Amino acid sequence: MFAVIKTGGKQYKVASGDMLRVERIAANAGETVQFNEVLMLGGDKVQVGAPLIEDAAVQAEVVDQIKGDKVINFVKRRRKHSSKRTKGHRQKLTLIKIGDILETGAGKSKVMAAVGTGSVSAAAVAAITGKSADEAAKPAKAKKAAAPKADAKAEKPKAEKKAAPKKAAAKKSDGDDLSEISGVGPVIVGKLHAEGITTFAQIAAWTDADVEAIEEKLSFKGRVGREDWIAQAKDLAKG
């Protein structure tokens, strides 16, 4: 007995025991899935659907999640463009082994429906399988390996709490009142402190390269030179 099924936008003629590569299905290796889109059943009695045969199905075991052969796409543009590009692609596939072919009783079998990850939305895959397309296609071992990460995340808040006193100590460091420089307001003072600039002596020692770097980083747009911060800082540093 054979059947003609439809999956991933393609039609396949299958019989029990056949090994088949189809468009990727949201299932793990070892799970059994059911193809409910049966177009034709052949054998002692031939049945043809209109377009599908009601309550018929084909069950299959997922052997592995694989990739197809690499396909090379070469594009060459002539005349004004004068360029070329080569791209490679490997289609994601699922290797399955055909099992039972059901003429009736597909609705009562309680076997998970075969859902292609590229033919429907991610929400539809999650509704049918109870998990996302990527989670369903990953091997079971990947889930076990992800378990230790949860412990690592749980430990992070403890490390951050221990580091908190260091930040409080940094705020106690003494410095000059940079707002005494003409053109430097509270916002600019905050930016300078964030860069570790807290004294007039530091500003007075700026070189041209330092000025260029600080203006680019803090978006001062020539303000340092225009308002002569360095000269003002030198005078204020002398007291």
Protein backbone atom coordinates (compact mmCIF):
# COMPACT_ATOMS: atom_id res chain seq x y z
CA MET A 1 0.00 0.00 0.00
CA PHE A 2 1.20 3.51 -0.77
CA ALA A 3 0.04 7.07 -0.18
CA VAL A 4 0.63 10.49 -1.70
CA ILE A 5 1.13 13.14 0.96
CA LYS A 6 1.71 16.87 0.87
CA THR A 7 4.21 18.67 3.14
CA GLY A 8 6.37 21.75 2.75
CA GLY A 9 4.59 22.67 -0.50
CA LYS A 10 5.67 19.38 -2.16
CA GLN A 11 4.01 16.03 -2.82
CA TYR A 12 5.61 12.65 -2.03
CA LYS A 13 4.63 9.09 -2.87
CA VAL A 14 5.46 7.00 0.20
CA ALA A 15 5.13 3.45 1.48
CA SER A 16 5.74 1.92 4.90
CA GLY A 17 9.49 1.69 5.64
CA ASP A 18 10.56 4.44 3.20
CA MET A 19 13.25 6.95 4.28
CA LEU A 20 12.42 10.47 3.15
CA ARG A 21 13.91 13.98 3.35
CA VAL A 22 11.25 16.68 3.71
CA GLU A 23 11.18 20.39 4.57
CA ARG A 24 12.05 20.89 8.24
CA ILE A 25 9.39 19.73 10.70
CA ALA A 26 9.01 21.06 14.23
CA ALA A 27 9.88 17.84 16.08
CA ASN A 28 12.83 16.17 17.81
CA ALA A 29 14.63 13.05 16.65
CA GLY A 30 12.81 9.93 17.88
CA GLU A 31 9.36 11.53 17.96
CA THR A 32 6.46 10.29 15.84
CA VAL A 33 4.56 12.76 13.68
CA GLN A 34 1.48 12.43 11.52
CA PHE A 35 0.94 13.83 8.02
CA ASN A 36 -2.76 14.62 7.69
CA GLU A 37 -2.68 16.00 4.12
CA VAL A 38 -3.19 12.74 2.18
CA LEU A 39 -4.03 13.27 -1.49
CA MET A 40 -4.23 9.66 -2.58
CA LEU A 41 -4.20 6.10 -1.22
CA GLY A 42 -3.18 3.19 -3.44
CA GLY A 43 -3.28 -0.57 -3.08
CA ASP A 44 -6.16 -3.01 -3.45
CA LYS A 45 -8.54 -0.07 -3.51
CA VAL A 46 -7.46 3.29 -4.89
CA GLN A 47 -8.81 6.42 -3.20
CA VAL A 48 -8.35 9.93 -4.56
CA GLY A 49 -9.03 12.98 -2.41
CA ALA A 50 -10.92 16.11 -3.36
CA PRO A 51 -8.34 17.43 -2.67
CA LEU A 52 -7.67 15.52 0.60
CA ILE A 53 -8.92 12.16 1.85
CA GLU A 54 -10.92 12.73 5.02
CA ASP A 55 -9.63 11.10 8.25
CA ALA A 56 -6.63 9.52 6.44
CA ALA A 57 -3.06 10.05 7.55
CA VAL A 58 0.53 8.82 7.30
CA GLN A 59 2.63 8.42 10.43
CA ALA A 60 6.42 8.70 10.42
CA GLU A 61 9.32 8.67 12.87
CA VAL A 62 11.69 11.66 12.90
CA VAL A 63 15.20 10.23 12.41
CA ASP A 64 17.25 13.46 12.41
CA GLN A 65 17.30 17.18 11.65
CA ILE A 66 19.74 17.68 8.74
CA LYS A 67 20.79 20.16 6.04
CA GLY A 68 20.63 19.63 2.30
CA ASP A 69 23.47 19.98 -0.20
CA LYS A 70 24.92 23.47 -0.65
CA VAL A 71 23.37 25.42 -3.51
CA ILE A 72 25.55 28.10 -5.12
CA ASN A 73 23.86 31.25 -6.43
CA PHE A 74 26.14 33.29 -8.73
CA VAL A 75 24.99 36.71 -9.93
CA LYS A 76 26.97 38.80 -12.44
CA ARG A 77 25.89 42.28 -13.46
CA ARG A 78 27.03 43.79 -16.74
CA ARG A 79 27.48 47.27 -18.11
CA LYS A 80 27.45 50.04 -15.49
CA HIS A 81 27.36 47.80 -12.42
CA SER A 82 30.23 45.50 -13.39
CA SER A 83 30.00 43.39 -10.22
CA LYS A 84 29.47 39.78 -9.24
CA ARG A 85 28.36 37.97 -6.10
CA THR A 86 28.39 34.35 -4.96
CA LYS A 87 26.09 33.12 -2.21
CA GLY A 88 25.75 29.64 -0.72
CA HIS A 89 22.67 28.11 0.87
CA ARG A 90 21.90 24.82 2.64
CA GLN A 91 18.22 24.06 3.10
CA LYS A 92 17.12 22.80 6.51
CA LEU A 93 15.52 19.36 6.16
CA THR A 94 14.10 16.59 8.35
CA LEU A 95 14.92 12.92 7.74
CA ILE A 96 11.90 10.70 8.44
CA LYS A 97 11.02 7.00 8.26
CA ILE A 98 7.48 6.22 7.08
CA GLY A 99 5.48 4.02 9.47
CA ASP A 100 1.74 3.29 9.41
CA ILE A 101 -0.57 4.44 6.63
CA LEU A 102 -4.04 5.03 8.06
CA GLU A 103 -7.06 4.88 5.77
CA THR A 104 -9.28 6.04 8.65
CA GLY A 105 -8.92 7.04 12.30
CA ALA A 106 -6.43 9.88 11.89
CA GLY A 107 -8.39 12.12 14.25
CA LYS A 108 -8.36 9.56 17.09
CA SER A 109 -4.68 8.58 16.81
CA LYS A 110 -3.49 11.36 19.22
CA VAL A 111 -0.18 11.60 17.31
CA MET A 112 1.36 15.08 16.93
CA ALA A 113 0.67 16.65 13.54
CA ALA A 114 3.69 17.24 11.30
CA VAL A 115 4.09 21.03 11.12
CA GLY A 116 6.64 22.58 8.78
CA THR A 117 8.59 25.40 10.43
CA GLY A 118 8.69 27.49 7.25
CA SER A 119 5.11 27.06 6.02
CA VAL A 120 3.24 28.58 8.99
CA SER A 121 3.81 31.31 11.53
CA ALA A 122 5.79 30.77 14.72
CA ALA A 123 2.58 31.27 16.73
CA ALA A 124 0.88 28.44 14.84
CA VAL A 125 3.80 26.08 15.46
CA ALA A 126 3.72 26.91 19.18
CA ALA A 127 -0.05 26.36 19.33
CA ILE A 128 0.17 22.91 17.75
CA THR A 129 3.38 21.56 19.27
CA GLY A 130 3.44 23.50 22.55
CA LYS A 131 6.92 24.88 21.77
CA SER A 132 8.58 27.29 19.32
CA ALA A 133 9.90 26.15 15.92
CA ASP A 134 13.55 26.50 16.96
CA GLU A 135 13.01 24.67 20.25
CA ALA A 136 11.15 21.85 18.53
CA ALA A 137 13.86 21.33 15.90
CA LYS A 138 16.74 21.28 18.43
CA PRO A 139 17.93 17.94 19.84
CA ALA A 140 16.95 17.10 23.41
CA LYS A 141 20.62 17.33 24.53
CA ALA A 142 20.63 21.08 23.87
CA LYS A 143 17.98 21.59 26.56
CA LYS A 144 20.04 19.71 29.17
CA ALA A 145 23.10 21.80 28.38
CA ALA A 146 21.09 25.00 28.89
CA ALA A 147 20.21 24.11 32.51
CA PRO A 148 23.49 25.31 34.14
CA LYS A 149 22.97 28.80 32.64
CA ALA A 150 20.02 29.39 34.96
CA ASP A 151 22.28 28.86 37.98
CA ALA A 152 24.83 31.31 36.57
CA LYS A 153 22.13 33.96 36.19
CA ALA A 154 20.95 33.38 39.75
CA GLU A 155 24.46 34.05 41.07
CA LYS A 156 24.89 37.38 39.25
CA PRO A 157 22.76 39.53 41.63
CA LYS A 158 24.93 38.41 44.58
CA ALA A 159 28.08 39.56 42.83
CA GLU A 160 26.49 42.92 42.00
CA LYS A 161 25.46 43.48 45.65
CA LYS A 162 29.02 42.89 46.84
CA ALA A 163 30.36 45.39 44.31
CA ALA A 164 27.93 48.13 45.44
CA PRO A 165 30.08 49.50 48.31
CA LYS A 166 32.92 50.18 45.86
CA LYS A 167 30.69 52.54 43.85
CA ALA A 168 29.69 54.42 47.01
CA ALA A 169 33.36 54.85 47.93
CA ALA A 170 34.16 56.32 44.51
CA LYS A 171 31.63 59.13 45.04
CA LYS A 172 33.49 60.34 48.11
CA SER A 173 36.59 61.33 46.11
CA ASP A 174 37.37 65.08 46.40
CA GLY A 175 37.68 67.37 43.40
CA ASP A 176 37.33 70.97 42.25
CA ASP A 177 34.08 72.74 41.51
CA LEU A 178 34.28 72.58 37.72
CA SER A 179 31.18 74.77 37.37
CA GLU A 180 33.45 77.76 38.16
CA ILE A 181 34.69 77.50 34.57
CA SER A 182 32.59 79.78 32.37
CA GLY A 183 30.27 77.73 30.15
CA VAL A 184 30.38 74.60 32.32
CA GLY A 185 27.01 73.81 33.85
CA PRO A 186 25.78 70.92 36.01
CA VAL A 187 25.11 68.65 33.00
CA ILE A 188 28.63 69.11 31.61
CA VAL A 189 30.10 68.65 35.11
CA GLY A 190 28.30 65.31 35.32
CA LYS A 191 29.71 64.24 31.94
CA LEU A 192 33.24 65.24 32.92
CA HIS A 193 33.00 63.40 36.24
CA ALA A 194 31.82 60.30 34.38
CA GLU A 195 35.07 60.45 32.40
CA GLY A 196 37.12 60.81 35.61
CA ILE A 197 37.81 64.54 35.15
CA THR A 198 37.29 66.20 38.55
CA THR A 199 40.01 68.85 38.93
CA PHE A 200 41.13 72.06 37.24
CA ALA A 201 44.65 70.62 36.90
CA GLN A 202 43.38 67.81 34.70
CA ILE A 203 41.72 70.24 32.28
CA ALA A 204 44.73 72.57 32.34
CA ALA A 205 46.95 69.66 31.23
CA TRP A 206 44.84 68.81 28.17
CA THR A 207 46.69 68.64 24.85
CA ASP A 208 45.13 69.29 21.42
CA ALA A 209 44.63 65.55 21.01
CA ASP A 210 42.92 65.35 24.40
CA VAL A 211 40.61 68.22 23.49
CA GLU A 212 39.70 66.62 20.18
CA ALA A 213 38.98 63.27 21.85
CA ILE A 214 36.86 64.69 24.69
CA GLU A 215 34.84 66.92 22.35
CA GLU A 216 34.10 64.03 20.03
CA LYS A 217 33.17 61.69 22.87
CA LEU A 218 30.97 64.14 24.77
CA SER A 219 29.69 66.10 21.73
CA PHE A 220 31.00 69.49 22.92
CA LYS A 221 31.30 70.74 19.30
CA GLY A 222 34.31 73.06 19.76
CA ARG A 223 33.14 74.38 23.10
CA VAL A 224 36.44 73.76 24.87
CA GLY A 225 38.43 76.00 22.54
CA ARG A 226 35.68 78.53 21.96
CA GLU A 227 35.23 79.24 25.68
CA ASP A 228 38.92 78.73 26.49
CA TRP A 229 38.41 76.15 29.24
CA ILE A 230 42.13 75.32 29.46
CA ALA A 231 43.19 78.93 30.21
CA GLN A 232 40.40 79.32 32.74
CA ALA A 233 41.38 76.01 34.41
CA LYS A 234 45.01 77.12 34.66
CA ASP A 235 44.01 80.35 36.42
CA LEU A 236 41.62 78.56 38.79
CA ALA A 237 44.22 75.89 39.56
CA LYS A 238 46.66 78.59 40.74
CA GLY A 239 44.04 79.77 43.19
